[in-house]
PDB file of all heavy atoms in Angstrom:
ATOM      1  N   TYR A   1      13.385   5.964   3.801  1.00  0.00           N
ATOM      2  CA  TYR A   1      12.240   6.813   3.451  1.00  0.00           C
ATOM      3  C   TYR A   1      11.441   6.203   2.298  1.00  0.00           C
ATOM      4  O   TYR A   1      10.207   6.332   2.253  1.00  0.00           O
ATOM      5  CB  TYR A   1      12.723   8.207   3.074  1.00  0.00           C
ATOM      6  CG  TYR A   1      13.048   9.091   4.256  1.00  0.00           C
ATOM      7  CD1 TYR A   1      14.319   9.612   4.438  1.00  0.00           C
ATOM      8  CD2 TYR A   1      12.072   9.395   5.214  1.00  0.00           C
ATOM      9  CE1 TYR A   1      14.625  10.419   5.524  1.00  0.00           C
ATOM     10  CE2 TYR A   1      12.363  10.198   6.302  1.00  0.00           C
ATOM     11  CZ  TYR A   1      13.649  10.708   6.452  1.00  0.00           C
ATOM     12  OH  TYR A   1      13.938  11.494   7.539  1.00  0.00           O
ATOM     13  N   LEU A   2      12.123   5.529   1.387  1.00  0.00           N
ATOM     14  CA  LEU A   2      11.407   4.873   0.297  1.00  0.00           C
ATOM     15  C   LEU A   2      10.563   3.699   0.806  1.00  0.00           C
ATOM     16  O   LEU A   2       9.472   3.443   0.297  1.00  0.00           O
ATOM     17  CB  LEU A   2      12.404   4.391  -0.754  1.00  0.00           C
ATOM     18  CG  LEU A   2      11.839   3.893  -2.074  1.00  0.00           C
ATOM     19  CD1 LEU A   2      10.980   4.966  -2.732  1.00  0.00           C
ATOM     20  CD2 LEU A   2      12.954   3.470  -3.015  1.00  0.00           C
ATOM     21  N   VAL A   3      11.059   3.007   1.825  1.00  0.00           N
ATOM     22  CA  VAL A   3      10.262   1.955   2.466  1.00  0.00           C
ATOM     23  C   VAL A   3       8.997   2.545   3.082  1.00  0.00           C
ATOM     24  O   VAL A   3       7.898   1.984   2.962  1.00  0.00           O
ATOM     25  CB  VAL A   3      11.102   1.229   3.532  1.00  0.00           C
ATOM     26  CG1 VAL A   3      10.233   0.310   4.381  1.00  0.00           C
ATOM     27  CG2 VAL A   3      12.210   0.426   2.873  1.00  0.00           C
ATOM     28  N   LEU A   4       9.142   3.697   3.742  1.00  0.00           N
ATOM     29  CA  LEU A   4       7.968   4.368   4.306  1.00  0.00           C
ATOM     30  C   LEU A   4       6.988   4.789   3.218  1.00  0.00           C
ATOM     31  O   LEU A   4       5.762   4.688   3.393  1.00  0.00           O
ATOM     32  CB  LEU A   4       8.415   5.578   5.121  1.00  0.00           C
ATOM     33  CG  LEU A   4       7.305   6.417   5.789  1.00  0.00           C
ATOM     34  CD1 LEU A   4       6.493   5.561   6.756  1.00  0.00           C
ATOM     35  CD2 LEU A   4       7.901   7.617   6.505  1.00  0.00           C
ATOM     36  N   ALA A   5       7.508   5.234   2.075  1.00  0.00           N
ATOM     37  CA  ALA A   5       6.630   5.622   0.965  1.00  0.00           C
ATOM     38  C   ALA A   5       5.870   4.416   0.418  1.00  0.00           C
ATOM     39  O   ALA A   5       4.660   4.499   0.146  1.00  0.00           O
ATOM     40  CB  ALA A   5       7.464   6.283  -0.140  1.00  0.00           C
ATOM     41  N   PHE A   6       6.551   3.295   0.272  1.00  0.00           N
ATOM     42  CA  PHE A   6       5.875   2.087  -0.194  1.00  0.00           C
ATOM     43  C   PHE A   6       4.804   1.623   0.795  1.00  0.00           C
ATOM     44  O   PHE A   6       3.719   1.190   0.387  1.00  0.00           O
ATOM     45  CB  PHE A   6       6.893   0.969  -0.419  1.00  0.00           C
ATOM     46  CG  PHE A   6       7.732   1.164  -1.650  1.00  0.00           C
ATOM     47  CD1 PHE A   6       9.027   0.676  -1.698  1.00  0.00           C
ATOM     48  CD2 PHE A   6       7.235   1.836  -2.752  1.00  0.00           C
ATOM     49  CE1 PHE A   6       9.802   0.852  -2.832  1.00  0.00           C
ATOM     50  CE2 PHE A   6       7.998   2.017  -3.885  1.00  0.00           C
ATOM     51  CZ  PHE A   6       9.292   1.527  -3.923  1.00  0.00           C
ATOM     52  N   PHE A   7       5.114   1.706   2.078  1.00  0.00           N
ATOM     53  CA  PHE A   7       4.135   1.290   3.083  1.00  0.00           C
ATOM     54  C   PHE A   7       2.908   2.196   3.069  1.00  0.00           C
ATOM     55  O   PHE A   7       1.769   1.728   3.188  1.00  0.00           O
ATOM     56  CB  PHE A   7       4.787   1.302   4.467  1.00  0.00           C
ATOM     57  CG  PHE A   7       3.879   0.828   5.559  1.00  0.00           C
ATOM     58  CD1 PHE A   7       3.605  -0.524   5.724  1.00  0.00           C
ATOM     59  CD2 PHE A   7       3.298   1.742   6.428  1.00  0.00           C
ATOM     60  CE1 PHE A   7       2.760  -0.955   6.736  1.00  0.00           C
ATOM     61  CE2 PHE A   7       2.457   1.319   7.436  1.00  0.00           C
ATOM     62  CZ  PHE A   7       2.186  -0.039   7.591  1.00  0.00           C
ATOM     63  N   SER A   8       3.118   3.499   2.900  1.00  0.00           N
ATOM     64  CA  SER A   8       1.986   4.423   2.823  1.00  0.00           C
ATOM     65  C   SER A   8       1.152   4.167   1.566  1.00  0.00           C
ATOM     66  O   SER A   8      -0.081   4.226   1.604  1.00  0.00           O
ATOM     67  CB  SER A   8       2.493   5.863   2.832  1.00  0.00           C
ATOM     68  OG  SER A   8       3.245   6.125   4.005  1.00  0.00           O
ATOM     69  N   ALA A   9       1.839   3.854   0.455  1.00  0.00           N
ATOM     70  CA  ALA A   9       1.106   3.542  -0.774  1.00  0.00           C
ATOM     71  C   ALA A   9       0.288   2.257  -0.624  1.00  0.00           C
ATOM     72  O   ALA A   9      -0.837   2.161  -1.136  1.00  0.00           O
ATOM     73  CB  ALA A   9       2.082   3.412  -1.939  1.00  0.00           C
ATOM     74  N   SER A  10       0.828   1.276   0.087  1.00  0.00           N
ATOM     75  CA  SER A  10       0.060   0.052   0.320  1.00  0.00           C
ATOM     76  C   SER A  10      -1.160   0.318   1.193  1.00  0.00           C
ATOM     77  O   SER A  10      -2.227  -0.293   0.977  1.00  0.00           O
ATOM     78  CB  SER A  10       0.959  -0.994   0.973  1.00  0.00           C
ATOM     79  OG  SER A  10       1.372  -0.579   2.269  1.00  0.00           O
ATOM     80  N   CYS A  11      -1.046   1.225   2.141  1.00  0.00           N
ATOM     81  CA  CYS A  11      -2.222   1.599   2.951  1.00  0.00           C
ATOM     82  C   CYS A  11      -3.294   2.268   2.090  1.00  0.00           C
ATOM     83  O   CYS A  11      -4.495   2.035   2.294  1.00  0.00           O
ATOM     84  CB  CYS A  11      -1.794   2.520   4.092  1.00  0.00           C
ATOM     85  SG  CYS A  11      -0.731   1.744   5.333  1.00  0.00           S
ATOM     86  N   VAL A  12      -2.866   3.079   1.145  1.00  0.00           N
ATOM     87  CA  VAL A  12      -3.830   3.696   0.224  1.00  0.00           C
ATOM     88  C   VAL A  12      -4.523   2.628  -0.621  1.00  0.00           C
ATOM     89  O   VAL A  12      -5.731   2.697  -0.875  1.00  0.00           O
ATOM     90  CB  VAL A  12      -3.117   4.745  -0.657  1.00  0.00           C
ATOM     91  CG1 VAL A  12      -4.065   5.293  -1.720  1.00  0.00           C
ATOM     92  CG2 VAL A  12      -2.590   5.881   0.204  1.00  0.00           C
ATOM     93  N   TRP A  13      -3.752   1.607  -1.048  1.00  0.00           N
ATOM     94  CA  TRP A  13      -4.358   0.515  -1.807  1.00  0.00           C
ATOM     95  C   TRP A  13      -5.388  -0.248  -0.969  1.00  0.00           C
ATOM     96  O   TRP A  13      -6.423  -0.686  -1.499  1.00  0.00           O
ATOM     97  CB  TRP A  13      -3.272  -0.458  -2.288  1.00  0.00           C
ATOM     98  CG  TRP A  13      -2.513   0.006  -3.492  1.00  0.00           C
ATOM     99  CD1 TRP A  13      -1.195   0.325  -3.563  1.00  0.00           C
ATOM    100  CD2 TRP A  13      -3.024   0.199  -4.812  1.00  0.00           C
ATOM    101  NE1 TRP A  13      -0.848   0.719  -4.823  1.00  0.00           N
ATOM    102  CE2 TRP A  13      -1.963   0.640  -5.625  1.00  0.00           C
ATOM    103  CE3 TRP A  13      -4.286   0.045  -5.390  1.00  0.00           C
ATOM    104  CZ2 TRP A  13      -2.114   0.925  -6.966  1.00  0.00           C
ATOM    105  CZ3 TRP A  13      -4.437   0.330  -6.736  1.00  0.00           C
ATOM    106  CH2 TRP A  13      -3.371   0.763  -7.509  1.00  0.00           C
ATOM    107  N   VAL A  14      -5.109  -0.400   0.297  1.00  0.00           N
ATOM    108  CA  VAL A  14      -6.071  -1.078   1.175  1.00  0.00           C
ATOM    109  C   VAL A  14      -7.359  -0.271   1.279  1.00  0.00           C
ATOM    110  O   VAL A  14      -8.470  -0.824   1.266  1.00  0.00           O
ATOM    111  CB  VAL A  14      -5.453  -1.320   2.562  1.00  0.00           C
ATOM    112  CG1 VAL A  14      -6.504  -1.812   3.553  1.00  0.00           C
ATOM    113  CG2 VAL A  14      -4.332  -2.336   2.475  1.00  0.00           C
ATOM    114  N   LEU A  15      -7.223   1.055   1.387  1.00  0.00           N
ATOM    115  CA  LEU A  15      -8.417   1.896   1.433  1.00  0.00           C
ATOM    116  C   LEU A  15      -9.223   1.813   0.139  1.00  0.00           C
ATOM    117  O   LEU A  15     -10.451   1.974   0.158  1.00  0.00           O
ATOM    118  CB  LEU A  15      -8.020   3.349   1.708  1.00  0.00           C
ATOM    119  CG  LEU A  15      -7.401   3.626   3.089  1.00  0.00           C
ATOM    120  CD1 LEU A  15      -6.997   5.090   3.193  1.00  0.00           C
ATOM    121  CD2 LEU A  15      -8.378   3.274   4.199  1.00  0.00           C
ATOM    122  N   LEU A  16      -8.554   1.564  -0.967  1.00  0.00           N
ATOM    123  CA  LEU A  16      -9.241   1.417  -2.251  1.00  0.00           C
ATOM    124  C   LEU A  16      -9.747  -0.002  -2.488  1.00  0.00           C
ATOM    125  O   LEU A  16     -10.175  -0.329  -3.597  1.00  0.00           O
ATOM    126  CB  LEU A  16      -8.306   1.827  -3.392  1.00  0.00           C
ATOM    127  CG  LEU A  16      -7.887   3.295  -3.423  1.00  0.00           C
ATOM    128  CD1 LEU A  16      -6.886   3.540  -4.531  1.00  0.00           C
ATOM    129  CD2 LEU A  16      -9.111   4.184  -3.596  1.00  0.00           C
ATOM    130  N   ARG A  17      -9.637  -0.856  -1.477  1.00  0.00           N
ATOM    131  CA  ARG A  17     -10.112  -2.244  -1.521  1.00  0.00           C
ATOM    132  C   ARG A  17      -9.359  -3.078  -2.554  1.00  0.00           C
ATOM    133  O   ARG A  17      -9.920  -3.954  -3.196  1.00  0.00           O
ATOM    134  CB  ARG A  17     -11.614  -2.296  -1.798  1.00  0.00           C
ATOM    135  CG  ARG A  17     -12.464  -1.661  -0.698  1.00  0.00           C
ATOM    136  CD  ARG A  17     -13.935  -1.778  -1.025  1.00  0.00           C
ATOM    137  NE  ARG A  17     -14.751  -1.160   0.034  1.00  0.00           N
ATOM    138  CZ  ARG A  17     -16.077  -1.112   0.017  1.00  0.00           C
ATOM    139  NH1 ARG A  17     -16.747  -1.673  -0.994  1.00  0.00           N
ATOM    140  NH2 ARG A  17     -16.743  -0.530   0.999  1.00  0.00           N
ATOM    141  N   ALA A  18      -8.086  -2.790  -2.703  1.00  0.00           N
ATOM    142  CA  ALA A  18      -7.202  -3.593  -3.560  1.00  0.00           C
ATOM    143  C   ALA A  18      -6.180  -4.275  -2.653  1.00  0.00           C
ATOM    144  O   ALA A  18      -5.007  -3.885  -2.594  1.00  0.00           O
ATOM    145  CB  ALA A  18      -6.518  -2.724  -4.607  1.00  0.00           C
ATOM    146  N   GLU A  19      -6.644  -5.288  -1.928  1.00  0.00           N
ATOM    147  CA  GLU A  19      -5.801  -5.932  -0.929  1.00  0.00           C
ATOM    148  C   GLU A  19      -4.630  -6.671  -1.561  1.00  0.00           C
ATOM    149  O   GLU A  19      -3.522  -6.701  -0.994  1.00  0.00           O
ATOM    150  CB  GLU A  19      -6.628  -6.901  -0.078  1.00  0.00           C
ATOM    151  CG  GLU A  19      -7.731  -6.247   0.739  1.00  0.00           C
ATOM    152  CD  GLU A  19      -9.002  -6.045  -0.061  1.00  0.00           C
ATOM    153  OE1 GLU A  19      -9.013  -6.488  -1.236  1.00  0.00           O
ATOM    154  OE2 GLU A  19      -9.966  -5.462   0.478  1.00  0.00           O
ATOM    155  N   PHE A  20      -4.854  -7.270  -2.720  1.00  0.00           N
ATOM    156  CA  PHE A  20      -3.783  -8.027  -3.370  1.00  0.00           C
ATOM    157  C   PHE A  20      -2.625  -7.107  -3.767  1.00  0.00           C
ATOM    158  O   PHE A  20      -1.451  -7.445  -3.565  1.00  0.00           O
ATOM    159  CB  PHE A  20      -4.335  -8.751  -4.599  1.00  0.00           C
ATOM    160  CG  PHE A  20      -3.294  -9.505  -5.361  1.00  0.00           C
ATOM    161  CD1 PHE A  20      -2.827 -10.723  -4.900  1.00  0.00           C
ATOM    162  CD2 PHE A  20      -2.784  -9.003  -6.551  1.00  0.00           C
ATOM    163  CE1 PHE A  20      -1.861 -11.426  -5.600  1.00  0.00           C
ATOM    164  CE2 PHE A  20      -1.812  -9.693  -7.251  1.00  0.00           C
ATOM    165  CZ  PHE A  20      -1.348 -10.912  -6.779  1.00  0.00           C
ATOM    166  N   LEU A  21      -2.935  -5.953  -4.329  1.00  0.00           N
ATOM    167  CA  LEU A  21      -1.882  -5.009  -4.700  1.00  0.00           C
ATOM    168  C   LEU A  21      -1.141  -4.482  -3.478  1.00  0.00           C
ATOM    169  O   LEU A  21       0.082  -4.264  -3.517  1.00  0.00           O
ATOM    170  CB  LEU A  21      -2.482  -3.857  -5.501  1.00  0.00           C
ATOM    171  CG  LEU A  21      -3.052  -4.206  -6.880  1.00  0.00           C
ATOM    172  CD1 LEU A  21      -3.654  -2.966  -7.522  1.00  0.00           C
ATOM    173  CD2 LEU A  21      -1.980  -4.810  -7.765  1.00  0.00           C
ATOM    174  N   ALA A  22      -1.869  -4.264  -2.379  1.00  0.00           N
ATOM    175  CA  ALA A  22      -1.233  -3.766  -1.163  1.00  0.00           C
ATOM    176  C   ALA A  22      -0.250  -4.788  -0.599  1.00  0.00           C
ATOM    177  O   ALA A  22       0.892  -4.448  -0.246  1.00  0.00           O
ATOM    178  CB  ALA A  22      -2.299  -3.422  -0.123  1.00  0.00           C
ATOM    179  N   ILE A  23      -0.655  -6.045  -0.525  1.00  0.00           N
ATOM    180  CA  ILE A  23       0.229  -7.084  -0.011  1.00  0.00           C
ATOM    181  C   ILE A  23       1.413  -7.308  -0.943  1.00  0.00           C
ATOM    182  O   ILE A  23       2.563  -7.505  -0.505  1.00  0.00           O
ATOM    183  CB  ILE A  23      -0.559  -8.395   0.205  1.00  0.00           C
ATOM    184  CG1 ILE A  23      -1.641  -8.185   1.261  1.00  0.00           C
ATOM    185  CG2 ILE A  23       0.370  -9.513   0.618  1.00  0.00           C
ATOM    186  CD1 ILE A  23      -1.113  -7.792   2.620  1.00  0.00           C
ATOM    187  N   THR A  24       1.162  -7.254  -2.250  1.00  0.00           N
ATOM    188  CA  THR A  24       2.253  -7.415  -3.215  1.00  0.00           C
ATOM    189  C   THR A  24       3.262  -6.288  -3.102  1.00  0.00           C
ATOM    190  O   THR A  24       4.485  -6.512  -3.188  1.00  0.00           O
ATOM    191  CB  THR A  24       1.689  -7.473  -4.642  1.00  0.00           C
ATOM    192  OG1 THR A  24       0.719  -8.512  -4.720  1.00  0.00           O
ATOM    193  CG2 THR A  24       2.790  -7.724  -5.655  1.00  0.00           C
TER     194      THR A  24
END
């Protein structure tokens, strides 16, 4: 479930146009 939370947070970062943070 924590992996799913991290993946959802990375999707939010992508929507905020912070691609580097999402990939990291």
